Amino acid sequence: MATQAEWQAKVDEIVAEIGRSLFGDGPRTEAQQSDALTTAEEAIEEWESSENGDLSAISNPTPLQRLLAEQHEIAEQVLDLRDGEIRDNDDGLDG
């Protein structure tokens, strides 16, 4: 199962990929990093709300699309893990 740290690492990869596409390689200003983060958050939100989760439906996925799909899968695993913990805690309350 994926962890919150793995999810954050994937988000960081998405921010880096978007930063490269927007501003090229090399150091970025604080404003540029903020822009890359905002754009990444928007891309993740759009990916989550769309039907893009299945990369097999995309003939030539971009590196960003692959990262978004990986992030989505990790997020699903984290949510499943949390749901399991909640169920376990609820079961303990019945006793």
N, C-alpha and C. Protein backbone atom coordinates (compact mmCIF):
# COMPACT_ATOMS: atom_id res chain seq x y z
N MET A 1 0.83 -1.19 0.00
CA MET A 1 0.00 0.00 0.00
C MET A 1 0.87 1.25 0.00
N ALA A 2 0.41 2.25 -0.67
CA ALA A 2 1.13 3.51 -0.77
C ALA A 2 0.97 4.33 0.51
N THR A 3 1.93 5.19 0.72
CA THR A 3 1.90 6.05 1.90
C THR A 3 1.71 7.50 1.49
N GLN A 4 1.41 8.32 2.48
CA GLN A 4 1.28 9.76 2.26
C GLN A 4 2.59 10.32 1.70
N ALA A 5 3.73 9.81 2.17
CA ALA A 5 5.04 10.28 1.69
C ALA A 5 5.23 9.96 0.21
N GLU A 6 4.78 8.78 -0.21
CA GLU A 6 4.86 8.41 -1.62
C GLU A 6 3.98 9.31 -2.47
N TRP A 7 2.80 9.62 -1.94
CA TRP A 7 1.90 10.52 -2.65
C TRP A 7 2.55 11.89 -2.81
N GLN A 8 3.13 12.41 -1.73
CA GLN A 8 3.76 13.73 -1.78
C GLN A 8 4.94 13.74 -2.74
N ALA A 9 5.71 12.65 -2.76
CA ALA A 9 6.84 12.56 -3.69
C ALA A 9 6.35 12.61 -5.14
N LYS A 10 5.22 11.97 -5.42
CA LYS A 10 4.68 11.99 -6.79
C LYS A 10 4.18 13.38 -7.14
N VAL A 11 3.54 14.05 -6.18
CA VAL A 11 3.11 15.44 -6.42
C VAL A 11 4.33 16.31 -6.70
N ASP A 12 5.41 16.10 -5.96
CA ASP A 12 6.63 16.87 -6.19
C ASP A 12 7.18 16.63 -7.60
N GLU A 13 7.08 15.38 -8.08
CA GLU A 13 7.51 15.08 -9.45
C GLU A 13 6.64 15.82 -10.46
N ILE A 14 5.35 15.90 -10.20
CA ILE A 14 4.43 16.60 -11.10
C ILE A 14 4.78 18.09 -11.12
N VAL A 15 5.03 18.66 -9.95
CA VAL A 15 5.42 20.08 -9.87
C VAL A 15 6.70 20.31 -10.66
N ALA A 16 7.67 19.42 -10.51
CA ALA A 16 8.94 19.56 -11.23
C ALA A 16 8.74 19.47 -12.74
N GLU A 17 7.91 18.52 -13.18
CA GLU A 17 7.64 18.36 -14.62
C GLU A 17 6.96 19.61 -15.18
N ILE A 18 5.99 20.12 -14.46
CA ILE A 18 5.30 21.33 -14.91
C ILE A 18 6.25 22.52 -14.88
N GLY A 19 7.08 22.60 -13.86
CA GLY A 19 8.07 23.68 -13.79
C GLY A 19 9.01 23.65 -14.98
N ARG A 20 9.46 22.44 -15.36
CA ARG A 20 10.34 22.32 -16.54
C ARG A 20 9.61 22.77 -17.80
N SER A 21 8.35 22.39 -17.92
CA SER A 21 7.62 22.74 -19.15
C SER A 21 7.32 24.23 -19.20
N LEU A 22 7.10 24.85 -18.05
CA LEU A 22 6.80 26.29 -18.03
C LEU A 22 8.04 27.16 -18.09
N PHE A 23 9.10 26.75 -17.37
CA PHE A 23 10.23 27.64 -17.17
C PHE A 23 11.58 27.06 -17.58
N GLY A 24 11.58 25.84 -18.11
CA GLY A 24 12.83 25.22 -18.52
C GLY A 24 13.57 24.63 -17.33
N ASP A 25 14.74 24.07 -17.62
CA ASP A 25 15.56 23.50 -16.56
C ASP A 25 16.27 24.62 -15.81
N GLY A 26 16.77 24.30 -14.66
CA GLY A 26 17.51 25.28 -13.88
C GLY A 26 16.72 25.81 -12.72
N PRO A 27 17.36 26.67 -11.96
CA PRO A 27 16.70 27.21 -10.76
C PRO A 27 15.50 28.08 -11.12
N ARG A 28 14.56 28.11 -10.20
CA ARG A 28 13.35 28.91 -10.41
C ARG A 28 13.21 29.92 -9.27
N THR A 29 12.56 31.00 -9.60
CA THR A 29 12.25 31.98 -8.57
C THR A 29 11.14 31.43 -7.68
N GLU A 30 10.93 32.06 -6.55
CA GLU A 30 9.85 31.64 -5.66
C GLU A 30 8.50 31.77 -6.36
N ALA A 31 8.34 32.84 -7.14
CA ALA A 31 7.08 33.04 -7.87
C ALA A 31 6.88 31.95 -8.92
N GLN A 32 7.94 31.57 -9.62
CA GLN A 32 7.83 30.51 -10.61
C GLN A 32 7.49 29.18 -9.95
N GLN A 33 8.11 28.89 -8.80
CA GLN A 33 7.82 27.65 -8.10
C GLN A 33 6.37 27.64 -7.63
N SER A 34 5.91 28.79 -7.18
CA SER A 34 4.51 28.91 -6.75
C SER A 34 3.56 28.68 -7.92
N ASP A 35 3.90 29.26 -9.07
CA ASP A 35 3.09 29.05 -10.28
C ASP A 35 3.06 27.58 -10.68
N ALA A 36 4.22 26.92 -10.60
CA ALA A 36 4.29 25.50 -10.95
C ALA A 36 3.43 24.67 -10.00
N LEU A 37 3.47 25.00 -8.70
CA LEU A 37 2.66 24.28 -7.72
C LEU A 37 1.17 24.48 -7.97
N THR A 38 0.78 25.73 -8.24
CA THR A 38 -0.63 26.02 -8.52
C THR A 38 -1.11 25.27 -9.76
N THR A 39 -0.28 25.29 -10.80
CA THR A 39 -0.63 24.59 -12.04
C THR A 39 -0.71 23.09 -11.81
N ALA A 40 0.19 22.56 -10.99
CA ALA A 40 0.16 21.13 -10.67
C ALA A 40 -1.11 20.77 -9.91
N GLU A 41 -1.48 21.59 -8.94
CA GLU A 41 -2.70 21.32 -8.18
C GLU A 41 -3.92 21.34 -9.10
N GLU A 42 -3.95 22.27 -10.04
CA GLU A 42 -5.06 22.33 -10.99
C GLU A 42 -5.07 21.11 -11.90
N ALA A 43 -3.88 20.68 -12.35
CA ALA A 43 -3.79 19.51 -13.23
C ALA A 43 -4.24 18.25 -12.49
N ILE A 44 -3.85 18.11 -11.23
CA ILE A 44 -4.26 16.95 -10.43
C ILE A 44 -5.77 16.96 -10.25
N GLU A 45 -6.31 18.10 -9.91
CA GLU A 45 -7.76 18.21 -9.71
C GLU A 45 -8.52 17.88 -11.00
N GLU A 46 -8.02 18.40 -12.11
CA GLU A 46 -8.67 18.12 -13.41
C GLU A 46 -8.58 16.64 -13.75
N TRP A 47 -7.42 16.03 -13.49
CA TRP A 47 -7.24 14.61 -13.78
C TRP A 47 -8.19 13.78 -12.92
N GLU A 48 -8.31 14.14 -11.65
CA GLU A 48 -9.18 13.40 -10.73
C GLU A 48 -10.65 13.48 -11.15
N SER A 49 -11.04 14.62 -11.70
CA SER A 49 -12.46 14.80 -12.05
C SER A 49 -12.78 14.35 -13.47
N SER A 50 -11.77 13.94 -14.22
CA SER A 50 -12.00 13.52 -15.61
C SER A 50 -12.02 12.00 -15.70
N GLU A 51 -12.16 11.53 -16.88
CA GLU A 51 -12.15 10.09 -17.15
C GLU A 51 -10.78 9.62 -17.63
N ASN A 52 -9.73 10.37 -17.31
CA ASN A 52 -8.40 10.06 -17.82
C ASN A 52 -7.65 9.00 -17.02
N GLY A 53 -8.24 8.48 -15.98
CA GLY A 53 -7.53 7.56 -15.11
C GLY A 53 -6.91 6.37 -15.80
N ASP A 54 -7.46 5.93 -16.90
CA ASP A 54 -6.96 4.76 -17.61
C ASP A 54 -6.05 5.20 -18.74
N LEU A 55 -4.74 5.05 -18.53
CA LEU A 55 -3.78 5.47 -19.56
C LEU A 55 -3.87 4.64 -20.83
N SER A 56 -4.41 3.44 -20.75
CA SER A 56 -4.50 2.60 -21.95
C SER A 56 -5.41 3.24 -23.00
N ALA A 57 -6.28 4.15 -22.58
CA ALA A 57 -7.17 4.83 -23.51
C ALA A 57 -6.46 5.98 -24.24
N ILE A 58 -5.25 6.33 -23.78
CA ILE A 58 -4.48 7.42 -24.38
C ILE A 58 -3.37 6.79 -25.20
N SER A 59 -3.35 7.06 -26.50
CA SER A 59 -2.41 6.36 -27.38
C SER A 59 -0.95 6.71 -27.10
N ASN A 60 -0.65 7.94 -26.84
CA ASN A 60 0.72 8.37 -26.57
C ASN A 60 0.75 9.28 -25.35
N PRO A 61 0.67 8.72 -24.14
CA PRO A 61 0.61 9.59 -22.97
C PRO A 61 1.90 10.39 -22.79
N THR A 62 1.74 11.61 -22.37
CA THR A 62 2.89 12.47 -22.10
C THR A 62 3.48 12.08 -20.74
N PRO A 63 4.71 12.53 -20.46
CA PRO A 63 5.26 12.28 -19.12
C PRO A 63 4.35 12.82 -18.02
N LEU A 64 3.75 13.98 -18.24
CA LEU A 64 2.85 14.55 -17.25
C LEU A 64 1.62 13.66 -17.05
N GLN A 65 1.05 13.15 -18.14
CA GLN A 65 -0.11 12.26 -18.02
C GLN A 65 0.25 10.99 -17.25
N ARG A 66 1.45 10.46 -17.49
CA ARG A 66 1.88 9.27 -16.75
C ARG A 66 2.00 9.58 -15.26
N LEU A 67 2.61 10.73 -14.94
CA LEU A 67 2.75 11.12 -13.54
C LEU A 67 1.40 11.33 -12.87
N LEU A 68 0.48 11.97 -13.59
CA LEU A 68 -0.86 12.19 -13.03
C LEU A 68 -1.57 10.87 -12.78
N ALA A 69 -1.43 9.92 -13.69
CA ALA A 69 -2.05 8.60 -13.50
C ALA A 69 -1.43 7.88 -12.31
N GLU A 70 -0.10 7.97 -12.17
CA GLU A 70 0.57 7.35 -11.03
C GLU A 70 0.13 8.00 -9.73
N GLN A 71 0.03 9.32 -9.72
CA GLN A 71 -0.40 10.04 -8.53
C GLN A 71 -1.82 9.63 -8.16
N HIS A 72 -2.68 9.50 -9.16
CA HIS A 72 -4.06 9.09 -8.92
C HIS A 72 -4.11 7.71 -8.28
N GLU A 73 -3.31 6.79 -8.78
CA GLU A 73 -3.28 5.43 -8.23
C GLU A 73 -2.79 5.46 -6.78
N ILE A 74 -1.75 6.22 -6.51
CA ILE A 74 -1.24 6.32 -5.14
C ILE A 74 -2.29 6.93 -4.23
N ALA A 75 -2.96 7.97 -4.70
CA ALA A 75 -4.01 8.61 -3.89
C ALA A 75 -5.12 7.61 -3.56
N GLU A 76 -5.50 6.80 -4.53
CA GLU A 76 -6.53 5.78 -4.30
C GLU A 76 -6.07 4.78 -3.23
N GLN A 77 -4.81 4.38 -3.29
CA GLN A 77 -4.28 3.43 -2.31
C GLN A 77 -4.26 4.05 -0.92
N VAL A 78 -3.86 5.32 -0.82
CA VAL A 78 -3.84 6.00 0.47
C VAL A 78 -5.25 6.09 1.03
N LEU A 79 -6.22 6.43 0.18
CA LEU A 79 -7.61 6.51 0.64
C LEU A 79 -8.13 5.14 1.08
N ASP A 80 -7.78 4.09 0.34
CA ASP A 80 -8.19 2.74 0.74
C ASP A 80 -7.59 2.38 2.09
N LEU A 81 -6.33 2.74 2.30
CA LEU A 81 -5.66 2.46 3.57
C LEU A 81 -6.35 3.21 4.70
N ARG A 82 -6.66 4.47 4.48
CA ARG A 82 -7.35 5.26 5.50
C ARG A 82 -8.74 4.70 5.79
N ASP A 83 -9.46 4.30 4.74
CA ASP A 83 -10.78 3.71 4.93
C ASP A 83 -10.69 2.44 5.77
N GLY A 84 -9.66 1.64 5.52
CA GLY A 84 -9.46 0.43 6.30
C GLY A 84 -9.18 0.74 7.76
N GLU A 85 -8.38 1.76 8.01
CA GLU A 85 -8.09 2.16 9.39
C GLU A 85 -9.35 2.65 10.09
N ILE A 86 -10.17 3.40 9.38
CA ILE A 86 -11.42 3.90 9.96
C ILE A 86 -12.34 2.74 10.29
N ARG A 87 -12.45 1.79 9.36
CA ARG A 87 -13.30 0.62 9.62
C ARG A 87 -12.78 -0.16 10.82
N ASP A 88 -11.45 -0.33 10.91
CA ASP A 88 -10.87 -1.04 12.05
C ASP A 88 -11.17 -0.32 13.35
N ASN A 89 -11.09 1.00 13.34
CA ASN A 89 -11.38 1.77 14.55
C ASN A 89 -12.86 1.68 14.90
N ASP A 90 -13.73 1.71 13.90
CA ASP A 90 -15.17 1.58 14.14
C ASP A 90 -15.49 0.21 14.73
N ASP A 91 -14.83 -0.83 14.24
CA ASP A 91 -15.05 -2.18 14.76
C ASP A 91 -14.66 -2.27 16.22
N GLY A 92 -13.61 -1.56 16.59
CA GLY A 92 -13.16 -1.57 17.97
C GLY A 92 -14.13 -0.87 18.90
N LEU A 93 -14.92 0.05 18.38
CA LEU A 93 -15.87 0.77 19.22
C LEU A 93 -17.08 -0.10 19.58
N ASP A 94 -17.34 -1.11 18.74
CA ASP A 94 -18.50 -1.98 18.98
C ASP A 94 -18.27 -2.91 20.16
N GLY A 95 -16.99 -3.19 20.46
CA GLY A 95 -16.64 -4.19 21.46
C GLY A 95 -16.95 -3.79 22.82
